[in-house]
Amino acid sequence: MSGEVKRSYSSPLREQAAASTRLLVRDAGHRLFARDGFVATSIKKIAHEAGVSERTVYTHYRNKVELFQDALNVAIAGDELPVAMRDRPSFEELLRMSSARELIDEAVAANAVILERAGALIMAGIESSGADADMRRISDEGEHAMRANCLALATALIGTGEVRPEYGAERVADVLTTMLSPHVFQLMGWSSSRYQGWLADALRATLLMP
């Protein structure tokens, strides 16, 4: 009796096509979530925007929340690596800077890049968090991560010896969390360069000794 062993078949071309389709779907979702909000964006609309069937969307994402979370994660990070911003080498390098003024400049520049990519999605999540429990969870997780990152930046700033003596780490983190938020970025509606220049000046004037 011959025992025929079934072998799994993996085609690089098939995997590449699947990855390309997933990217189409994610990008379509990003555009619609940012433009219309989470609640008003349906899987049907995302499929139409991506030029695929609804079934194809569900092949890559179990539901709309999972698609939003993936789009948000990639927009914030700028890539698909499952590594939190706090654990990335670029953030660690930022925390090691010895000049408070340079640290503020680099933090503001990095934050502007993130908000250009993800600001509208973050706001879409916040705006729908009152009507959807999953979006509340995602928004809360984002706020907690932002606070933790700002507290790390605050500690690094104080370590330079240039922060006003009356400002402790929590107070510095309060200022950073507020000023670096997507709310401020959207309310200003300025170009990235104008936003960065104003924000860096404001943080230096507020936090650092003359």
C-alpha atoms as a PDB file:
ATOM      1  CA  MET A   1       0.000   0.000   0.000  1.00  0.00           C
ATOM      2  CA  SER A   2       1.484   3.281  -1.039  1.00  0.00           C
ATOM      3  CA  GLY A   3       1.128   6.199   1.361  1.00  0.00           C
ATOM      4  CA  GLU A   4       0.916   9.451  -0.560  1.00  0.00           C
ATOM      5  CA  VAL A   5       1.954  12.381   1.607  1.00  0.00           C
ATOM      6  CA  LYS A   6       0.125  15.613   0.932  1.00  0.00           C
ATOM      7  CA  ARG A   7       2.475  18.571   0.908  1.00  0.00           C
ATOM      8  CA  SER A   8       1.507  22.113   1.622  1.00  0.00           C
ATOM      9  CA  TYR A   9       1.871  24.320  -1.409  1.00  0.00           C
ATOM     10  CA  SER A  10       3.206  27.825  -1.082  1.00  0.00           C
ATOM     11  CA  SER A  11       3.546  30.078  -4.088  1.00  0.00           C
ATOM     12  CA  PRO A  12       5.588  33.268  -3.711  1.00  0.00           C
ATOM     13  CA  LEU A  13       3.506  34.817  -6.475  1.00  0.00           C
ATOM     14  CA  ARG A  14       0.280  33.912  -4.708  1.00  0.00           C
ATOM     15  CA  GLU A  15       1.574  35.304  -1.417  1.00  0.00           C
ATOM     16  CA  GLN A  16       2.667  38.494  -3.156  1.00  0.00           C
ATOM     17  CA  ALA A  17      -0.742  38.893  -4.765  1.00  0.00           C
ATOM     18  CA  ALA A  18      -2.454  38.354  -1.400  1.00  0.00           C
ATOM     19  CA  ALA A  19      -0.209  40.947   0.245  1.00  0.00           C
ATOM     20  CA  SER A  20      -0.960  43.425  -2.545  1.00  0.00           C
ATOM     21  CA  THR A  21      -4.697  42.882  -2.158  1.00  0.00           C
ATOM     22  CA  ARG A  22      -4.471  43.318   1.603  1.00  0.00           C
ATOM     23  CA  LEU A  23      -2.627  46.603   1.034  1.00  0.00           C
ATOM     24  CA  LEU A  24      -5.360  47.775  -1.371  1.00  0.00           C
ATOM     25  CA  VAL A  25      -8.030  46.973   1.185  1.00  0.00           C
ATOM     26  CA  ARG A  26      -6.146  48.593   4.073  1.00  0.00           C
ATOM     27  CA  ASP A  27      -5.413  51.765   2.099  1.00  0.00           C
ATOM     28  CA  ALA A  28      -9.049  51.994   0.996  1.00  0.00           C
ATOM     29  CA  GLY A  29     -10.177  51.607   4.587  1.00  0.00           C
ATOM     30  CA  HIS A  30      -7.705  54.267   5.713  1.00  0.00           C
ATOM     31  CA  ARG A  31      -9.021  56.769   3.191  1.00  0.00           C
ATOM     32  CA  LEU A  32     -12.675  56.175   4.040  1.00  0.00           C
ATOM     33  CA  PHE A  33     -12.205  56.062   7.818  1.00  0.00           C
ATOM     34  CA  ALA A  34     -10.252  59.321   7.672  1.00  0.00           C
ATOM     35  CA  ARG A  35     -12.779  61.019   5.386  1.00  0.00           C
ATOM     36  CA  ASP A  36     -16.130  59.676   6.588  1.00  0.00           C
ATOM     37  CA  GLY A  37     -15.435  58.331  10.071  1.00  0.00           C
ATOM     38  CA  PHE A  38     -15.633  54.787  11.431  1.00  0.00           C
ATOM     39  CA  VAL A  39     -19.394  54.466  11.844  1.00  0.00           C
ATOM     40  CA  ALA A  40     -20.275  55.697   8.335  1.00  0.00           C
ATOM     41  CA  THR A  41     -17.696  53.443   6.669  1.00  0.00           C
ATOM     42  CA  SER A  42     -18.955  49.949   5.850  1.00  0.00           C
ATOM     43  CA  ILE A  43     -17.185  46.881   4.536  1.00  0.00           C
ATOM     44  CA  LYS A  44     -19.239  47.284   1.362  1.00  0.00           C
ATOM     45  CA  LYS A  45     -17.909  50.810   0.850  1.00  0.00           C
ATOM     46  CA  ILE A  46     -14.346  49.696   1.546  1.00  0.00           C
ATOM     47  CA  ALA A  47     -14.665  46.869  -0.971  1.00  0.00           C
ATOM     48  CA  HIS A  48     -15.967  49.282  -3.600  1.00  0.00           C
ATOM     49  CA  GLU A  49     -13.172  51.764  -2.876  1.00  0.00           C
ATOM     50  CA  ALA A  50     -10.557  49.011  -3.145  1.00  0.00           C
ATOM     51  CA  GLY A  51     -12.088  47.511  -6.292  1.00  0.00           C
ATOM     52  CA  VAL A  52     -12.597  44.087  -4.732  1.00  0.00           C
ATOM     53  CA  SER A  53     -15.525  42.028  -3.472  1.00  0.00           C
ATOM     54  CA  GLU A  54     -16.765  42.102   0.110  1.00  0.00           C
ATOM     55  CA  ARG A  55     -15.763  38.461   0.375  1.00  0.00           C
ATOM     56  CA  THR A  56     -12.194  39.448  -0.491  1.00  0.00           C
ATOM     57  CA  VAL A  57     -12.175  42.012   2.309  1.00  0.00           C
ATOM     58  CA  TYR A  58     -13.318  39.353   4.763  1.00  0.00           C
ATOM     59  CA  THR A  59     -10.552  37.069   3.514  1.00  0.00           C
ATOM     60  CA  HIS A  60      -8.034  39.490   4.993  1.00  0.00           C
ATOM     61  CA  TYR A  61      -9.957  40.973   7.937  1.00  0.00           C
ATOM     62  CA  ARG A  62     -12.529  39.389  10.210  1.00  0.00           C
ATOM     63  CA  ASN A  63     -14.397  42.657  10.677  1.00  0.00           C
ATOM     64  CA  LYS A  64     -14.248  46.424  10.295  1.00  0.00           C
ATOM     65  CA  VAL A  65     -12.616  46.952  13.687  1.00  0.00           C
ATOM     66  CA  GLU A  66      -9.711  44.685  12.800  1.00  0.00           C
ATOM     67  CA  LEU A  67      -9.221  46.551   9.524  1.00  0.00           C
ATOM     68  CA  PHE A  68      -9.266  49.913  11.321  1.00  0.00           C
ATOM     69  CA  GLN A  69      -6.761  48.701  13.918  1.00  0.00           C
ATOM     70  CA  ASP A  70      -4.381  47.469  11.218  1.00  0.00           C
ATOM     71  CA  ALA A  71      -4.667  50.683   9.217  1.00  0.00           C
ATOM     72  CA  LEU A  72      -4.051  52.728  12.360  1.00  0.00           C
ATOM     73  CA  ASN A  73      -1.060  50.674  13.484  1.00  0.00           C
ATOM     74  CA  VAL A  74       0.627  50.911  10.098  1.00  0.00           C
ATOM     75  CA  ALA A  75      -0.130  54.629   9.794  1.00  0.00           C
ATOM     76  CA  ILE A  76       1.399  55.357  13.195  1.00  0.00           C
ATOM     77  CA  ALA A  77       4.472  53.186  12.723  1.00  0.00           C
ATOM     78  CA  GLY A  78       5.030  53.804   9.025  1.00  0.00           C
ATOM     79  CA  ASP A  79       5.578  50.084   8.441  1.00  0.00           C
ATOM     80  CA  GLU A  80       4.039  46.700   9.204  1.00  0.00           C
ATOM     81  CA  LEU A  81       6.508  45.617  11.903  1.00  0.00           C
ATOM     82  CA  PRO A  82       4.695  44.634  15.130  1.00  0.00           C
ATOM     83  CA  VAL A  83       6.914  46.861  17.277  1.00  0.00           C
ATOM     84  CA  ALA A  84       5.520  49.615  19.505  1.00  0.00           C
ATOM     85  CA  MET A  85       6.901  53.127  19.008  1.00  0.00           C
ATOM     86  CA  ARG A  86       8.387  53.059  22.503  1.00  0.00           C
ATOM     87  CA  ASP A  87      10.470  49.989  21.598  1.00  0.00           C
ATOM     88  CA  ARG A  88      11.852  51.312  18.315  1.00  0.00           C
ATOM     89  CA  PRO A  89      15.526  52.338  17.994  1.00  0.00           C
ATOM     90  CA  SER A  90      14.571  55.824  16.791  1.00  0.00           C
ATOM     91  CA  PHE A  91      12.691  56.484  20.037  1.00  0.00           C
ATOM     92  CA  GLU A  92      15.538  55.124  22.139  1.00  0.00           C
ATOM     93  CA  GLU A  93      17.953  57.425  20.309  1.00  0.00           C
ATOM     94  CA  LEU A  94      15.660  60.350  21.048  1.00  0.00           C
ATOM     95  CA  LEU A  95      15.720  59.579  24.768  1.00  0.00           C
ATOM     96  CA  ARG A  96      19.524  59.528  24.785  1.00  0.00           C
ATOM     97  CA  MET A  97      19.917  63.062  23.403  1.00  0.00           C
ATOM     98  CA  SER A  98      21.829  65.354  25.776  1.00  0.00           C
ATOM     99  CA  SER A  99      20.390  68.675  24.549  1.00  0.00           C
ATOM    100  CA  ALA A 100      16.822  69.498  25.582  1.00  0.00           C
ATOM    101  CA  ARG A 101      16.387  71.864  22.656  1.00  0.00           C
ATOM    102  CA  GLU A 102      17.502  69.257  20.145  1.00  0.00           C
ATOM    103  CA  LEU A 103      15.332  66.621  21.831  1.00  0.00           C
ATOM    104  CA  ILE A 104      12.279  68.875  21.528  1.00  0.00           C
ATOM    105  CA  ASP A 105      13.042  69.645  17.878  1.00  0.00           C
ATOM    106  CA  GLU A 106      13.405  65.949  17.010  1.00  0.00           C
ATOM    107  CA  ALA A 107      10.336  64.900  19.017  1.00  0.00           C
ATOM    108  CA  VAL A 108       8.202  67.577  17.345  1.00  0.00           C
ATOM    109  CA  ALA A 109       9.450  66.589  13.878  1.00  0.00           C
ATOM    110  CA  ALA A 110       8.803  62.881  14.501  1.00  0.00           C
ATOM    111  CA  ASN A 111       5.355  63.623  15.916  1.00  0.00           C
ATOM    112  CA  ALA A 112       4.453  65.757  12.886  1.00  0.00           C
ATOM    113  CA  VAL A 113       5.321  62.888  10.547  1.00  0.00           C
ATOM    114  CA  ILE A 114       3.142  60.501  12.545  1.00  0.00           C
ATOM    115  CA  LEU A 115       0.214  62.922  12.659  1.00  0.00           C
ATOM    116  CA  GLU A 116       0.413  63.554   8.919  1.00  0.00           C
ATOM    117  CA  ARG A 117       0.068  59.805   8.364  1.00  0.00           C
ATOM    118  CA  ALA A 118      -2.284  58.886  11.185  1.00  0.00           C
ATOM    119  CA  GLY A 119      -3.823  62.037  12.679  1.00  0.00           C
ATOM    120  CA  ALA A 120      -7.133  61.762  10.829  1.00  0.00           C
ATOM    121  CA  LEU A 121      -7.461  58.073  11.748  1.00  0.00           C
ATOM    122  CA  ILE A 122      -6.712  58.761  15.408  1.00  0.00           C
ATOM    123  CA  MET A 123      -9.381  61.463  15.443  1.00  0.00           C
ATOM    124  CA  ALA A 124     -11.852  59.138  13.684  1.00  0.00           C
ATOM    125  CA  GLY A 125     -11.324  56.615  16.452  1.00  0.00           C
ATOM    126  CA  ILE A 126     -11.770  59.199  19.185  1.00  0.00           C
ATOM    127  CA  GLU A 127     -14.903  60.654  17.597  1.00  0.00           C
ATOM    128  CA  SER A 128     -16.579  57.239  17.325  1.00  0.00           C
ATOM    129  CA  SER A 129     -15.460  55.954  20.735  1.00  0.00           C
ATOM    130  CA  GLY A 130     -18.672  57.088  22.401  1.00  0.00           C
ATOM    131  CA  ALA A 131     -20.795  54.893  20.135  1.00  0.00           C
ATOM    132  CA  ASP A 132     -18.600  51.810  19.794  1.00  0.00           C
ATOM    133  CA  ALA A 133     -16.970  49.809  22.582  1.00  0.00           C
ATOM    134  CA  ASP A 134     -14.160  48.532  20.371  1.00  0.00           C
ATOM    135  CA  MET A 135     -13.285  52.035  19.255  1.00  0.00           C
ATOM    136  CA  ARG A 136     -13.312  53.163  22.878  1.00  0.00           C
ATOM    137  CA  ARG A 137     -10.804  50.409  23.649  1.00  0.00           C
ATOM    138  CA  ILE A 138      -8.591  51.382  20.714  1.00  0.00           C
ATOM    139  CA  SER A 139      -8.732  55.064  21.655  1.00  0.00           C
ATOM    140  CA  ASP A 140      -7.966  54.314  25.309  1.00  0.00           C
ATOM    141  CA  GLU A 141      -5.009  52.143  24.340  1.00  0.00           C
ATOM    142  CA  GLY A 142      -3.714  54.920  22.114  1.00  0.00           C
ATOM    143  CA  GLU A 143      -4.061  57.507  24.868  1.00  0.00           C
ATOM    144  CA  HIS A 144      -2.246  55.284  27.363  1.00  0.00           C
ATOM    145  CA  ALA A 145       0.592  54.663  24.903  1.00  0.00           C
ATOM    146  CA  MET A 146       0.842  58.389  24.166  1.00  0.00           C
ATOM    147  CA  ARG A 147       0.990  59.203  27.879  1.00  0.00           C
ATOM    148  CA  ALA A 148       3.690  56.596  28.476  1.00  0.00           C
ATOM    149  CA  ASN A 149       5.755  57.919  25.562  1.00  0.00           C
ATOM    150  CA  CYS A 150       5.399  61.511  26.776  1.00  0.00           C
ATOM    151  CA  LEU A 151       6.404  60.508  30.305  1.00  0.00           C
ATOM    152  CA  ALA A 152       9.543  58.873  28.903  1.00  0.00           C
ATOM    153  CA  LEU A 153      10.288  62.041  26.924  1.00  0.00           C
ATOM    154  CA  ALA A 154       9.653  64.145  30.032  1.00  0.00           C
ATOM    155  CA  THR A 155      12.122  62.103  32.061  1.00  0.00           C
ATOM    156  CA  ALA A 156      14.729  62.446  29.307  1.00  0.00           C
ATOM    157  CA  LEU A 157      14.173  66.209  29.125  1.00  0.00           C
ATOM    158  CA  ILE A 158      14.590  66.618  32.863  1.00  0.00           C
ATOM    159  CA  GLY A 159      17.757  64.543  32.638  1.00  0.00           C
ATOM    160  CA  THR A 160      19.362  67.215  30.459  1.00  0.00           C
ATOM    161  CA  GLY A 161      19.222  69.677  33.352  1.00  0.00           C
ATOM    162  CA  GLU A 162      17.564  72.324  31.168  1.00  0.00           C
ATOM    163  CA  VAL A 163      13.954  72.015  32.329  1.00  0.00           C
ATOM    164  CA  ARG A 164      12.514  74.641  34.683  1.00  0.00           C
ATOM    165  CA  PRO A 165      13.037  73.431  38.268  1.00  0.00           C
ATOM    166  CA  GLU A 166       9.354  73.793  39.189  1.00  0.00           C
ATOM    167  CA  TYR A 167       8.395  71.254  36.517  1.00  0.00           C
ATOM    168  CA  GLY A 168       8.420  67.607  37.549  1.00  0.00           C
ATOM    169  CA  ALA A 169       8.142  64.669  35.145  1.00  0.00           C
ATOM    170  CA  GLU A 170       4.351  64.407  35.448  1.00  0.00           C
ATOM    171  CA  ARG A 171       3.861  68.099  34.735  1.00  0.00           C
ATOM    172  CA  VAL A 172       6.196  68.000  31.733  1.00  0.00           C
ATOM    173  CA  ALA A 173       4.348  64.918  30.475  1.00  0.00           C
ATOM    174  CA  ASP A 174       1.037  66.792  30.867  1.00  0.00           C
ATOM    175  CA  VAL A 175       2.324  69.585  28.626  1.00  0.00           C
ATOM    176  CA  LEU A 176       3.745  67.179  26.039  1.00  0.00           C
ATOM    177  CA  THR A 177       0.612  65.026  25.944  1.00  0.00           C
ATOM    178  CA  THR A 178      -1.526  68.090  25.309  1.00  0.00           C
ATOM    179  CA  MET A 179       0.693  69.920  22.841  1.00  0.00           C
ATOM    180  CA  LEU A 180       1.655  66.863  20.772  1.00  0.00           C
ATOM    181  CA  SER A 181      -1.939  65.641  20.494  1.00  0.00           C
ATOM    182  CA  PRO A 182      -3.756  65.194  17.168  1.00  0.00           C
ATOM    183  CA  HIS A 183      -6.408  67.620  18.433  1.00  0.00           C
ATOM    184  CA  VAL A 184      -3.942  70.534  18.383  1.00  0.00           C
ATOM    185  CA  PHE A 185      -2.551  69.455  15.009  1.00  0.00           C
ATOM    186  CA  GLN A 186      -6.014  69.383  13.429  1.00  0.00           C
ATOM    187  CA  LEU A 187      -7.234  72.580  15.078  1.00  0.00           C
ATOM    188  CA  MET A 188      -4.257  74.520  13.756  1.00  0.00           C
ATOM    189  CA  GLY A 189      -4.685  73.288  10.195  1.00  0.00           C
ATOM    190  CA  TRP A 190      -1.223  74.596   9.367  1.00  0.00           C
ATOM    191  CA  SER A 191       1.446  73.232   7.055  1.00  0.00           C
ATOM    192  CA  SER A 192       3.802  70.748   8.666  1.00  0.00           C
ATOM    193  CA  SER A 193       6.734  73.173   8.701  1.00  0.00           C
ATOM    194  CA  ARG A 194       4.708  75.985  10.279  1.00  0.00           C
ATOM    195  CA  TYR A 195       3.237  73.589  12.861  1.00  0.00           C
ATOM    196  CA  GLN A 196       6.647  72.223  13.794  1.00  0.00           C
ATOM    197  CA  GLY A 197       8.227  75.653  14.134  1.00  0.00           C
ATOM    198  CA  TRP A 198       5.447  76.974  16.356  1.00  0.00           C
ATOM    199  CA  LEU A 199       5.257  73.848  18.525  1.00  0.00           C
ATOM    200  CA  ALA A 200       9.014  73.612  19.105  1.00  0.00           C
ATOM    201  CA  ASP A 201       9.132  77.298  20.103  1.00  0.00           C
ATOM    202  CA  ALA A 202       6.124  76.901  22.410  1.00  0.00           C
ATOM    203  CA  LEU A 203       7.548  73.831  24.164  1.00  0.00           C
ATOM    204  CA  ARG A 204      10.964  75.419  24.654  1.00  0.00           C
ATOM    205  CA  ALA A 205       9.401  78.593  26.066  1.00  0.00           C
ATOM    206  CA  THR A 206       7.116  76.627  28.388  1.00  0.00           C
ATOM    207  CA  LEU A 207       9.424  73.897  29.646  1.00  0.00           C
ATOM    208  CA  LEU A 208      13.006  75.115  29.522  1.00  0.00           C
ATOM    209  CA  MET A 209      14.930  77.579  31.617  1.00  0.00           C
ATOM    210  CA  PRO A 210      15.770  80.851  29.833  1.00  0.00           C
END
